[in-house]
Amino acid sequence: MDASLSNSLEAVSSSLDDNLRTLRVIYTKCKDVNFHDFLIGGTTRALVIYFEGMVNLELLDRNVLSPLLSETIEEWNYTEKELSSIISISDVKETLTFSDVIAHLSVGNVGLFIDGVPVAYSLGLAHWEKRGIEEPSAESVIRGPREGFTETMSVNTAMLRRKIKSPSLKMVSYKIGKHTRTEVVVIYMEGIANDGLIQEVEQRISEIEIDGILESGYIEGLIEDHPLSPFPQIQVTERPDVVCAALLEGRTAILVDGTPFSLIAPATLFSLLQSPEDYYQRFIIGTLIRWLRYLFFFITLLLPSLYVAILTFHQEMVPTSLLLSIAKSREDIPFPALVEALLMEVSFEALREAGVRLPKQVGAAVSIVGALVIGQAATSAGLVSAPMVMVVAITGIASFMMPQYATGIALRMLRFPIMILSGILGLLGLMLGFIVIVIHLCSLRSLGVPYLQPLAPLRAKELKDVIIRAPIWSMRTRPKFTGRMNAIRQPSGQKPDSQKGDDIHD
């Protein structure tokens, strides 16, 4: 390992034998590395090296080996430009050190070494199997694009470039990971995103030192402001349209090679509760769905705790007929309401996770059938009451309304401590738990941006895209916390005029 590391920093030699010896030391015990010796024009020795399965062998044979084998020369003295004209490969680069050679080989390029030439040539012939573009299963929409990111960086950047055709769309690449050398691309709109935000993102990315990056979650955990908070401070999406919408608002996106998940920063709580379909439907429908989502946000967080608090300490708040019905269903239950709620909630969470981990064909059936069978059996056995089963079921359905999976996870986690406080202190415990969560949310920042903006601090003009989903023609400005440099999105006077249609008929 030490010899390999030291040799990787050496300059490429003019002796092919020395270069071959160094390469064999570097790639010892690497069965997927192929070395191919040949003669250029029957006289000059040459070598190509590549990784099996990462190179287009057909192009290598047709456009590289065949032209070089038929070339008639006595001594090689061609430059990079002249080499490109001989081998019919547009992507040809000269590399002077073995560190650069290793970097190019690792991304699927072919290395060409020629005896007597003190440089190596990197040939862009990378090719490997990749997944096709599909609709993201976790972010499906009724109306909207049906394409999602893949694990290939070039495909992902091309999808963004196809939607935003402006040269203001900038993409800055980084190589992160001592061993993986994973490509990480920071994307933003020049002239729209704040310079301070861009510098902050680039600084946090450039300061990462780690042995490997395998997924965007590594980057998220290394650049977020409050890693101990249960709430996500960076938005995660598989949808190119969501990334483009965020870029046009002045936010930044981060793509990681090898994963279909893109990071969007900064993120606020309200951006995490929004769905792309809110903007594709008519604004009245989008507003109503958004209100329903906010309602179920509070139901997910507070409903079991409210039920436990009322049954334990505040029975007078329940109408007499309903209280008698609940008391009748609970007369054979051996557990207090708190233990009953914890038992059902833990069981429901276990069933949900089991459904996710099982194969797709049986996962949904197992989770639904399991919930029905276990719920019915627990009720018949007198372990839990029917009202508790209903409360847990409604809470579970409400958690599915969260567009961001990470946000739903945070609410599911926080439900348990609030439930315990409610079982001990009643409504006072519920309110204490809720106040602590609100204080925590007010203290959170996402790349320095307040997590509850534009509600706290209050920006009344921006509430038109928070409390409601205003018509597209009325959203003339970008959010001030990201798009301050170029605030105007569209001129005034875009509102449709019903009189124009009457004029046509007249």
Protein backbone atom coordinates (compact mmCIF):
# COMPACT_ATOMS: atom_id res chain seq x y z
CA MET A 1 0.00 0.00 0.00
CA ASP A 2 2.82 2.43 0.80
CA ALA A 3 4.58 1.63 -2.50
CA SER A 4 1.34 2.09 -4.40
CA LEU A 5 0.73 5.42 -2.73
CA SER A 6 4.22 6.74 -3.36
CA ASN A 7 4.24 5.57 -6.98
CA SER A 8 0.88 7.23 -7.62
CA LEU A 9 2.53 10.61 -7.06
CA GLU A 10 5.40 10.04 -9.53
CA ALA A 11 5.63 11.63 -12.94
CA VAL A 12 4.97 9.50 -16.00
CA SER A 13 8.23 8.15 -17.41
CA SER A 14 9.29 8.10 -21.05
CA SER A 15 10.09 4.39 -20.64
CA LEU A 16 7.09 2.14 -21.25
CA ASP A 17 8.64 -0.62 -19.13
CA ASP A 18 8.97 1.73 -16.15
CA ASN A 19 5.39 2.90 -16.54
CA LEU A 20 4.10 -0.64 -16.84
CA ARG A 21 6.05 -1.67 -13.73
CA THR A 22 4.60 1.26 -11.77
CA LEU A 23 1.05 0.50 -12.92
CA ARG A 24 1.34 -3.16 -11.92
CA VAL A 25 2.48 -2.11 -8.45
CA ILE A 26 -0.40 0.35 -8.10
CA TYR A 27 -3.01 -2.14 -9.34
CA THR A 28 -1.68 -5.29 -7.76
CA LYS A 29 -4.46 -7.78 -6.88
CA CYS A 30 -6.93 -5.90 -9.10
CA LYS A 31 -8.41 -8.53 -11.41
CA ASP A 32 -10.66 -6.03 -13.21
CA VAL A 33 -7.70 -4.03 -14.62
CA ASN A 34 -6.78 -4.93 -18.18
CA PHE A 35 -3.34 -4.24 -19.74
CA HIS A 36 -3.06 -4.51 -23.52
CA ASP A 37 0.33 -4.20 -25.25
CA PHE A 38 0.54 -3.46 -28.99
CA LEU A 39 2.79 -1.87 -31.60
CA ILE A 40 1.99 1.40 -33.34
CA GLY A 41 2.72 0.87 -37.02
CA GLY A 42 4.56 -2.31 -36.16
CA THR A 43 7.48 -0.42 -34.60
CA THR A 44 6.60 1.73 -31.55
CA ARG A 45 5.52 -0.06 -28.37
CA ALA A 46 2.33 1.17 -26.68
CA LEU A 47 0.01 0.12 -23.89
CA VAL A 48 -3.65 0.73 -23.08
CA ILE A 49 -5.00 0.18 -19.58
CA TYR A 50 -8.64 0.23 -18.53
CA PHE A 51 -11.12 -1.22 -16.03
CA GLU A 52 -13.26 -4.08 -17.24
CA GLY A 53 -16.94 -3.19 -17.55
CA MET A 54 -16.35 0.58 -17.55
CA VAL A 55 -15.14 1.05 -21.15
CA ASN A 56 -16.80 0.89 -24.55
CA LEU A 57 -14.66 -1.88 -26.03
CA GLU A 58 -16.17 -1.54 -29.50
CA LEU A 59 -15.08 2.11 -29.77
CA LEU A 60 -11.70 1.22 -28.27
CA ASP A 61 -11.06 -1.39 -30.98
CA ARG A 62 -12.49 0.60 -33.88
CA ASN A 63 -11.39 4.18 -33.09
CA VAL A 64 -8.17 3.67 -31.14
CA LEU A 65 -6.43 0.34 -31.69
CA SER A 66 -7.18 -0.11 -35.39
CA PRO A 67 -5.97 3.40 -36.46
CA LEU A 68 -2.82 3.14 -34.33
CA LEU A 69 -1.96 -0.36 -35.56
CA SER A 70 -2.23 0.81 -39.16
CA GLU A 71 -0.26 4.05 -38.56
CA THR A 72 3.18 3.99 -40.27
CA ILE A 73 5.77 5.94 -38.24
CA GLU A 74 9.34 5.42 -37.16
CA GLU A 75 9.26 7.53 -33.98
CA TRP A 76 6.26 8.89 -32.08
CA ASN A 77 6.30 12.68 -31.78
CA TYR A 78 2.63 13.60 -32.10
CA THR A 79 0.94 16.13 -29.86
CA GLU A 80 -2.41 15.72 -28.13
CA LYS A 81 -4.21 17.57 -30.92
CA GLU A 82 -2.66 15.41 -33.66
CA LEU A 83 -3.42 12.25 -31.69
CA SER A 84 -7.10 13.25 -31.57
CA SER A 85 -7.20 13.42 -35.37
CA ILE A 86 -5.68 9.94 -35.70
CA ILE A 87 -7.76 7.97 -33.23
CA SER A 88 -11.15 9.71 -33.81
CA ILE A 89 -11.77 10.36 -30.12
CA SER A 90 -12.85 13.88 -29.18
CA ASP A 91 -12.03 13.58 -25.48
CA VAL A 92 -8.24 13.22 -25.31
CA LYS A 93 -6.22 14.69 -22.43
CA GLU A 94 -2.54 14.59 -21.55
CA THR A 95 -1.68 13.48 -18.01
CA LEU A 96 1.76 14.00 -16.52
CA THR A 97 1.53 12.13 -13.20
CA PHE A 98 0.21 8.79 -12.08
CA SER A 99 -2.18 10.56 -9.71
CA ASP A 100 -3.94 12.05 -12.74
CA VAL A 101 -3.82 8.72 -14.54
CA ILE A 102 -5.53 7.00 -11.60
CA ALA A 103 -8.20 9.70 -11.46
CA HIS A 104 -9.03 9.31 -15.16
CA LEU A 105 -9.01 5.51 -15.07
CA SER A 106 -11.34 5.48 -12.06
CA VAL A 107 -14.10 7.26 -14.00
CA GLY A 108 -13.94 4.82 -16.91
CA ASN A 109 -11.41 6.44 -19.24
CA VAL A 110 -8.69 4.50 -21.07
CA GLY A 111 -5.02 5.23 -20.39
CA LEU A 112 -2.66 5.19 -23.37
CA PHE A 113 1.13 4.94 -22.80
CA ILE A 114 3.64 5.15 -25.65
CA ASP A 115 7.28 4.19 -25.40
CA GLY A 116 9.54 7.23 -25.52
CA VAL A 117 6.76 9.69 -24.62
CA PRO A 118 6.88 11.14 -21.04
CA VAL A 119 3.11 11.67 -20.86
CA ALA A 120 0.04 9.44 -20.74
CA TYR A 121 -3.10 10.06 -22.76
CA SER A 122 -6.57 9.80 -21.21
CA LEU A 123 -9.17 8.66 -23.75
CA GLY A 124 -12.81 9.40 -22.97
CA LEU A 125 -14.38 6.00 -23.66
CA ALA A 126 -16.27 5.53 -20.40
CA HIS A 127 -19.35 3.35 -20.72
CA TRP A 128 -21.23 1.26 -18.17
CA GLU A 129 -24.71 -0.03 -17.48
CA LYS A 130 -27.09 2.55 -16.03
CA ARG A 131 -30.70 2.72 -14.98
CA GLY A 132 -33.24 4.36 -17.25
CA ILE A 133 -35.22 7.47 -16.34
CA GLU A 134 -38.32 6.58 -14.33
CA GLU A 135 -40.92 8.34 -12.22
CA PRO A 136 -39.83 8.64 -8.56
CA SER A 137 -41.90 6.20 -6.55
CA ALA A 138 -41.75 8.31 -3.38
CA GLU A 139 -42.76 11.58 -5.10
CA SER A 140 -45.44 10.60 -7.57
CA VAL A 141 -47.89 13.26 -8.77
CA ILE A 142 -51.25 13.27 -10.53
CA ARG A 143 -50.22 16.14 -12.80
CA GLY A 144 -46.62 16.94 -13.61
CA PRO A 145 -43.45 15.50 -15.18
CA ARG A 146 -42.91 11.76 -14.89
CA GLU A 147 -39.12 11.78 -14.85
CA GLY A 148 -36.74 11.43 -11.96
CA PHE A 149 -33.01 11.53 -11.38
CA THR A 150 -30.85 8.45 -11.93
CA GLU A 151 -27.52 7.36 -10.46
CA THR A 152 -25.56 8.84 -13.39
CA MET A 153 -24.33 12.42 -12.97
CA SER A 154 -24.27 13.29 -16.68
CA VAL A 155 -27.90 12.23 -17.08
CA ASN A 156 -28.98 14.28 -14.06
CA THR A 157 -27.20 17.46 -15.15
CA ALA A 158 -28.58 17.05 -18.68
CA MET A 159 -32.16 16.89 -17.32
CA LEU A 160 -31.61 20.16 -15.46
CA ARG A 161 -29.99 21.81 -18.47
CA ARG A 162 -32.89 20.73 -20.66
CA LYS A 163 -35.36 22.51 -18.36
CA ILE A 164 -33.27 25.64 -17.68
CA LYS A 165 -31.59 26.62 -20.94
CA SER A 166 -29.99 29.81 -19.63
CA PRO A 167 -26.18 30.11 -19.42
CA SER A 168 -26.78 31.54 -15.94
CA LEU A 169 -27.23 27.95 -14.74
CA LYS A 170 -23.84 27.22 -13.17
CA MET A 171 -22.48 23.84 -12.09
CA VAL A 172 -19.32 23.63 -9.97
CA SER A 173 -17.79 20.16 -9.57
CA TYR A 174 -15.85 18.77 -6.58
CA LYS A 175 -14.15 15.43 -5.98
CA ILE A 176 -14.79 14.31 -2.41
CA GLY A 177 -13.64 11.16 -0.65
CA LYS A 178 -10.06 9.99 -0.25
CA HIS A 179 -10.82 6.60 -1.80
CA THR A 180 -14.13 7.03 -3.66
CA ARG A 181 -13.33 10.40 -5.30
CA THR A 182 -17.06 10.94 -5.68
CA GLU A 183 -18.15 13.79 -7.93
CA VAL A 184 -20.29 16.35 -6.10
CA VAL A 185 -21.79 19.20 -8.14
CA VAL A 186 -23.08 22.47 -6.63
CA ILE A 187 -25.71 24.06 -8.90
CA TYR A 188 -27.11 27.59 -8.74
CA MET A 189 -28.47 30.40 -10.91
CA GLU A 190 -25.94 33.18 -11.30
CA GLY A 191 -27.53 36.58 -10.79
CA ILE A 192 -30.44 35.11 -8.80
CA ALA A 193 -28.87 33.24 -5.87
CA ASN A 194 -27.14 35.35 -3.25
CA ASP A 195 -23.35 35.36 -3.50
CA GLY A 196 -23.09 34.82 0.25
CA LEU A 197 -25.24 31.68 0.04
CA ILE A 198 -23.17 30.28 -2.81
CA GLN A 199 -19.92 30.95 -0.98
CA GLU A 200 -21.25 29.32 2.18
CA VAL A 201 -22.30 26.16 0.33
CA GLU A 202 -19.03 25.92 -1.59
CA GLN A 203 -17.00 26.48 1.56
CA ARG A 204 -18.81 23.73 3.47
CA ILE A 205 -18.43 21.33 0.55
CA SER A 206 -14.74 22.10 0.00
CA GLU A 207 -13.93 21.60 3.70
CA ILE A 208 -15.23 18.00 3.76
CA GLU A 209 -12.49 15.45 4.41
CA ILE A 210 -13.65 11.85 4.52
CA ASP A 211 -12.56 8.49 3.13
CA GLY A 212 -15.64 8.05 0.94
CA ILE A 213 -19.01 9.47 -0.15
CA LEU A 214 -21.53 6.79 -1.15
CA GLU A 215 -24.80 8.75 -1.03
CA SER A 216 -26.08 12.30 -0.70
CA GLY A 217 -26.93 11.59 2.95
CA TYR A 218 -23.19 11.80 3.72
CA ILE A 219 -23.09 15.35 2.33
CA GLU A 220 -26.30 16.30 4.12
CA GLY A 221 -24.94 15.17 7.47
CA LEU A 222 -21.67 17.03 6.96
CA ILE A 223 -23.03 20.45 5.91
CA GLU A 224 -26.27 20.91 7.87
CA ASP A 225 -26.37 23.48 10.68
CA HIS A 226 -27.97 21.38 13.44
CA PRO A 227 -27.13 17.68 13.03
CA LEU A 228 -28.74 16.74 16.37
CA SER A 229 -32.16 18.10 15.40
CA PRO A 230 -34.81 15.57 14.32
CA PHE A 231 -36.02 18.00 11.64
CA PRO A 232 -34.27 17.95 8.25
CA GLN A 233 -32.63 21.26 7.32
CA ILE A 234 -31.95 20.28 3.71
CA GLN A 235 -34.62 19.25 1.25
CA VAL A 236 -34.17 15.93 -0.56
CA THR A 237 -35.81 15.18 -3.88
CA GLU A 238 -35.59 12.89 -6.90
CA ARG A 239 -37.49 15.27 -9.17
CA PRO A 240 -35.69 17.59 -11.64
CA ASP A 241 -38.68 19.95 -11.76
CA VAL A 242 -38.47 20.48 -7.98
CA VAL A 243 -34.75 21.27 -8.26
CA CYS A 244 -35.36 23.72 -11.14
CA ALA A 245 -38.12 25.48 -9.20
CA ALA A 246 -35.77 25.85 -6.22
CA LEU A 247 -32.97 27.18 -8.43
CA LEU A 248 -35.29 29.81 -9.89
CA GLU A 249 -36.10 30.91 -6.34
CA GLY A 250 -32.42 31.53 -5.68
CA ARG A 251 -31.61 28.36 -3.76
CA THR A 252 -28.78 25.95 -4.49
CA ALA A 253 -28.85 22.27 -5.38
CA ILE A 254 -26.26 19.58 -4.74
CA LEU A 255 -25.99 16.48 -6.93
CA VAL A 256 -23.92 13.47 -5.88
CA ASP A 257 -22.74 10.91 -8.40
CA GLY A 258 -24.11 7.43 -7.77
CA THR A 259 -27.43 8.45 -6.19
CA PRO A 260 -30.72 9.76 -7.61
CA PHE A 261 -31.34 12.01 -4.61
CA SER A 262 -30.55 15.71 -4.92
CA LEU A 263 -30.11 18.13 -2.00
CA ILE A 264 -31.71 21.58 -1.99
CA ALA A 265 -30.53 24.26 0.42
CA PRO A 266 -31.55 26.30 2.25
CA ALA A 267 -34.80 24.64 3.27
CA THR A 268 -37.58 25.87 5.52
CA LEU A 269 -40.31 23.96 7.31
CA PHE A 270 -42.88 25.28 4.84
CA SER A 271 -40.86 24.26 1.79
CA LEU A 272 -40.70 20.75 3.24
CA LEU A 273 -44.51 20.71 3.52
CA GLN A 274 -45.05 21.73 -0.10
CA SER A 275 -45.58 19.39 -3.01
CA PRO A 276 -44.65 20.19 -6.63
CA GLU A 277 -48.23 19.42 -7.58
CA ASP A 278 -49.40 22.44 -5.55
CA TYR A 279 -48.16 24.60 -8.44
CA TYR A 280 -49.43 22.41 -11.29
CA GLN A 281 -53.05 22.40 -10.15
CA ARG A 282 -55.28 25.48 -10.14
CA PHE A 283 -54.47 27.73 -7.20
CA ILE A 284 -57.78 27.08 -5.37
CA ILE A 285 -57.19 23.33 -5.40
CA GLY A 286 -53.54 23.82 -4.42
CA THR A 287 -54.55 26.01 -1.48
CA LEU A 288 -57.15 23.56 -0.17
CA ILE A 289 -54.73 20.62 -0.40
CA ARG A 290 -52.09 22.66 1.38
CA TRP A 291 -54.51 23.50 4.22
CA LEU A 292 -55.36 19.79 4.49
CA ARG A 293 -51.65 19.00 4.70
CA TYR A 294 -51.16 21.53 7.50
CA LEU A 295 -54.11 20.04 9.40
CA PHE A 296 -52.71 16.54 9.14
CA PHE A 297 -49.30 17.85 10.19
CA PHE A 298 -50.78 18.71 13.61
CA ILE A 299 -52.84 15.51 13.70
CA THR A 300 -49.71 13.43 13.12
CA LEU A 301 -47.89 15.20 15.93
CA LEU A 302 -50.62 15.68 18.56
CA LEU A 303 -53.66 13.42 18.11
CA PRO A 304 -52.52 10.38 20.18
CA SER A 305 -51.19 12.70 22.90
CA LEU A 306 -54.47 14.62 22.97
CA TYR A 307 -56.43 11.37 23.28
CA VAL A 308 -54.21 10.15 26.14
CA ALA A 309 -54.39 13.49 27.99
CA ILE A 310 -58.18 13.73 27.78
CA LEU A 311 -58.83 10.14 28.82
CA THR A 312 -56.36 10.32 31.70
CA PHE A 313 -57.00 13.77 33.20
CA HIS A 314 -59.75 15.67 31.37
CA GLN A 315 -62.74 13.38 30.94
CA GLU A 316 -65.06 16.35 31.49
CA MET A 317 -64.11 17.66 28.03
CA VAL A 318 -65.76 14.68 26.33
CA PRO A 319 -69.53 14.64 25.74
CA THR A 320 -71.31 12.26 28.13
CA SER A 321 -72.60 9.88 25.47
CA LEU A 322 -69.17 9.59 23.82
CA LEU A 323 -67.47 9.21 27.21
CA LEU A 324 -69.84 6.34 28.12
CA SER A 325 -69.12 4.65 24.79
CA ILE A 326 -65.36 4.95 25.31
CA ALA A 327 -65.64 3.77 28.92
CA LYS A 328 -67.62 0.72 27.79
CA SER A 329 -64.98 -0.20 25.21
CA ARG A 330 -62.24 0.23 27.83
CA GLU A 331 -63.83 -1.60 30.75
CA ASP A 332 -61.88 -4.82 30.05
CA ILE A 333 -58.62 -3.14 29.05
CA PRO A 334 -55.89 -3.89 31.66
CA PHE A 335 -53.60 -1.01 30.64
CA PRO A 336 -53.90 2.73 31.20
CA ALA A 337 -54.41 4.93 28.12
CA LEU A 338 -50.71 5.85 27.91
CA VAL A 339 -49.48 2.25 27.84
CA GLU A 340 -52.24 1.34 25.40
CA ALA A 341 -51.23 4.18 23.05
CA LEU A 342 -47.53 3.33 23.24
CA LEU A 343 -48.26 -0.34 22.53
CA MET A 344 -50.32 0.46 19.45
CA GLU A 345 -47.99 3.16 18.12
CA VAL A 346 -44.90 0.97 18.41
CA SER A 347 -46.73 -1.90 16.70
CA PHE A 348 -47.91 0.36 13.89
CA GLU A 349 -44.41 1.76 13.32
CA ALA A 350 -42.99 -1.76 13.23
CA LEU A 351 -45.59 -2.81 10.64
CA ARG A 352 -44.85 0.25 8.53
CA GLU A 353 -41.10 -0.38 8.53
CA ALA A 354 -41.66 -4.07 7.77
CA GLY A 355 -43.76 -3.10 4.76
CA VAL A 356 -40.99 -0.84 3.49
CA ARG A 357 -38.23 -3.45 3.87
CA LEU A 358 -40.16 -6.35 2.36
CA PRO A 359 -40.23 -6.94 -1.43
CA LYS A 360 -42.54 -4.57 -3.26
CA GLN A 361 -44.93 -7.33 -4.31
CA VAL A 362 -45.70 -8.43 -0.75
CA GLY A 363 -44.78 -5.35 1.30
CA ALA A 364 -48.06 -3.45 0.90
CA ALA A 365 -50.16 -6.58 1.42
CA VAL A 366 -48.28 -7.58 4.57
CA SER A 367 -48.52 -4.11 6.11
CA ILE A 368 -52.26 -3.73 5.41
CA VAL A 369 -53.25 -7.30 6.32
CA GLY A 370 -50.97 -7.22 9.36
CA ALA A 371 -52.53 -4.01 10.63
CA LEU A 372 -56.05 -5.38 10.18
CA VAL A 373 -55.32 -8.76 11.75
CA ILE A 374 -53.29 -7.43 14.67
CA GLY A 375 -55.74 -4.59 15.33
CA GLN A 376 -58.73 -6.93 15.30
CA ALA A 377 -56.96 -9.56 17.39
CA ALA A 378 -55.78 -7.00 19.97
CA THR A 379 -59.30 -5.58 20.26
CA SER A 380 -60.89 -9.02 20.61
CA ALA A 381 -58.32 -10.05 23.19
CA GLY A 382 -59.05 -6.99 25.29
CA LEU A 383 -55.53 -5.56 25.04
CA VAL A 384 -56.56 -2.30 23.35
CA SER A 385 -59.82 -0.51 22.79
CA ALA A 386 -61.48 0.19 19.45
CA PRO A 387 -61.22 4.01 19.83
CA MET A 388 -57.46 3.69 20.34
CA VAL A 389 -57.17 1.64 17.14
CA MET A 390 -59.04 4.38 15.29
CA VAL A 391 -56.79 7.12 16.72
CA VAL A 392 -53.63 5.25 15.74
CA ALA A 393 -55.00 4.53 12.26
CA ILE A 394 -55.94 8.18 11.66
CA THR A 395 -52.52 9.27 12.90
CA GLY A 396 -50.81 6.82 10.56
CA ILE A 397 -52.82 8.02 7.57
CA ALA A 398 -52.03 11.62 8.49
CA SER A 399 -48.30 10.90 8.50
CA PHE A 400 -48.53 9.68 4.90
CA MET A 401 -49.63 13.19 3.88
CA MET A 402 -46.12 14.57 4.42
CA PRO A 403 -44.43 15.15 1.03
CA GLN A 404 -40.94 14.73 2.54
CA TYR A 405 -40.21 11.35 4.11
CA ALA A 406 -37.66 12.88 6.52
CA THR A 407 -40.27 15.34 7.82
CA GLY A 408 -42.70 12.50 8.48
CA ILE A 409 -39.97 10.60 10.35
CA ALA A 410 -39.33 13.63 12.59
CA LEU A 411 -43.02 13.91 13.49
CA ARG A 412 -43.24 10.19 14.20
CA MET A 413 -40.25 10.43 16.55
CA LEU A 414 -41.55 13.47 18.43
CA ARG A 415 -44.97 11.92 18.91
CA PHE A 416 -43.66 9.58 21.61
CA PRO A 417 -42.14 12.10 24.07
CA ILE A 418 -45.22 14.32 23.76
CA MET A 419 -47.40 11.27 24.41
CA ILE A 420 -45.44 10.46 27.57
CA LEU A 421 -45.72 14.07 28.78
CA SER A 422 -49.47 13.99 28.13
CA GLY A 423 -49.83 10.76 30.09
CA ILE A 424 -48.00 12.31 33.06
CA LEU A 425 -49.23 15.94 33.05
CA GLY A 426 -52.30 15.90 30.81
CA LEU A 427 -52.94 18.87 28.52
CA LEU A 428 -50.28 20.81 30.40
CA GLY A 429 -47.68 18.25 29.30
CA LEU A 430 -48.99 18.37 25.72
CA MET A 431 -48.67 22.17 25.63
CA LEU A 432 -45.21 22.06 27.21
CA GLY A 433 -44.03 19.58 24.60
CA PHE A 434 -45.52 21.62 21.76
CA ILE A 435 -43.94 24.84 23.07
CA VAL A 436 -40.52 23.16 23.29
CA ILE A 437 -40.86 22.03 19.66
CA VAL A 438 -41.85 25.53 18.51
CA ILE A 439 -38.89 27.05 20.37
CA HIS A 440 -36.61 24.47 18.78
CA LEU A 441 -37.98 25.26 15.31
CA CYS A 442 -37.44 28.98 15.88
CA SER A 443 -33.79 28.31 16.76
CA LEU A 444 -33.05 26.20 13.68
CA ARG A 445 -31.16 27.57 10.69
CA SER A 446 -30.60 26.12 7.24
CA LEU A 447 -27.35 27.59 5.91
CA GLY A 448 -28.04 30.59 8.11
CA VAL A 449 -31.67 31.03 6.96
CA PRO A 450 -34.36 30.91 9.72
CA TYR A 451 -36.25 27.62 9.56
CA LEU A 452 -39.70 29.19 10.05
CA GLN A 453 -39.25 32.02 7.57
CA PRO A 454 -41.36 33.82 6.33
CA LEU A 455 -43.54 33.27 9.41
CA ALA A 456 -40.73 33.92 11.91
CA PRO A 457 -39.32 36.42 11.20
CA LEU A 458 -42.55 37.63 9.68
CA ARG A 459 -42.55 38.64 6.01
CA ALA A 460 -46.20 39.24 5.23
CA LYS A 461 -45.76 39.52 1.46
CA GLU A 462 -44.25 36.04 1.25
CA LEU A 463 -47.11 34.37 3.13
CA LYS A 464 -48.97 34.20 -0.19
CA ASP A 465 -46.95 31.07 -0.92
CA VAL A 466 -47.17 29.64 2.62
CA ILE A 467 -50.66 30.01 4.09
CA ILE A 468 -52.18 29.87 0.63
CA ARG A 469 -50.93 29.03 -2.83
CA ALA A 470 -51.51 32.31 -4.62
CA PRO A 471 -52.16 32.41 -8.39
CA ILE A 472 -49.04 32.24 -10.55
CA TRP A 473 -49.66 35.72 -11.95
CA SER A 474 -49.62 37.24 -8.45
CA MET A 475 -46.27 35.73 -7.37
CA ARG A 476 -44.12 38.44 -8.94
CA THR A 477 -41.15 38.29 -6.57
CA ARG A 478 -38.75 35.66 -5.32
CA PRO A 479 -38.28 34.91 -1.62
CA LYS A 480 -36.08 37.59 -0.08
CA PHE A 481 -33.94 35.14 1.87
CA THR A 482 -32.61 33.55 -1.36
CA GLY A 483 -33.49 35.56 -4.46
CA ARG A 484 -32.65 39.02 -3.17
CA MET A 485 -30.29 39.86 -6.04
CA ASN A 486 -32.95 39.52 -8.75
CA ALA A 487 -36.25 39.77 -6.91
CA ILE A 488 -38.65 40.30 -9.83
CA ARG A 489 -39.82 37.10 -11.51
CA GLN A 490 -42.41 38.59 -13.85
CA PRO A 491 -43.82 42.03 -14.68
CA SER A 492 -47.14 43.26 -13.36
CA GLY A 493 -50.26 43.01 -15.47
CA GLN A 494 -50.10 39.23 -15.98
CA LYS A 495 -53.56 38.63 -14.50
CA PRO A 496 -55.93 37.14 -17.12
CA ASP A 497 -58.58 39.62 -18.26
CA SER A 498 -62.05 38.19 -18.80
CA GLN A 499 -62.92 41.16 -21.03
CA LYS A 500 -60.52 39.94 -23.73
CA GLY A 501 -62.67 36.92 -24.45
CA ASP A 502 -65.78 39.11 -24.73
CA ASP A 503 -64.02 41.29 -27.29
CA ILE A 504 -63.28 38.25 -29.46
CA HIS A 505 -66.92 37.20 -29.56
CA ASP A 506 -68.01 40.76 -30.29
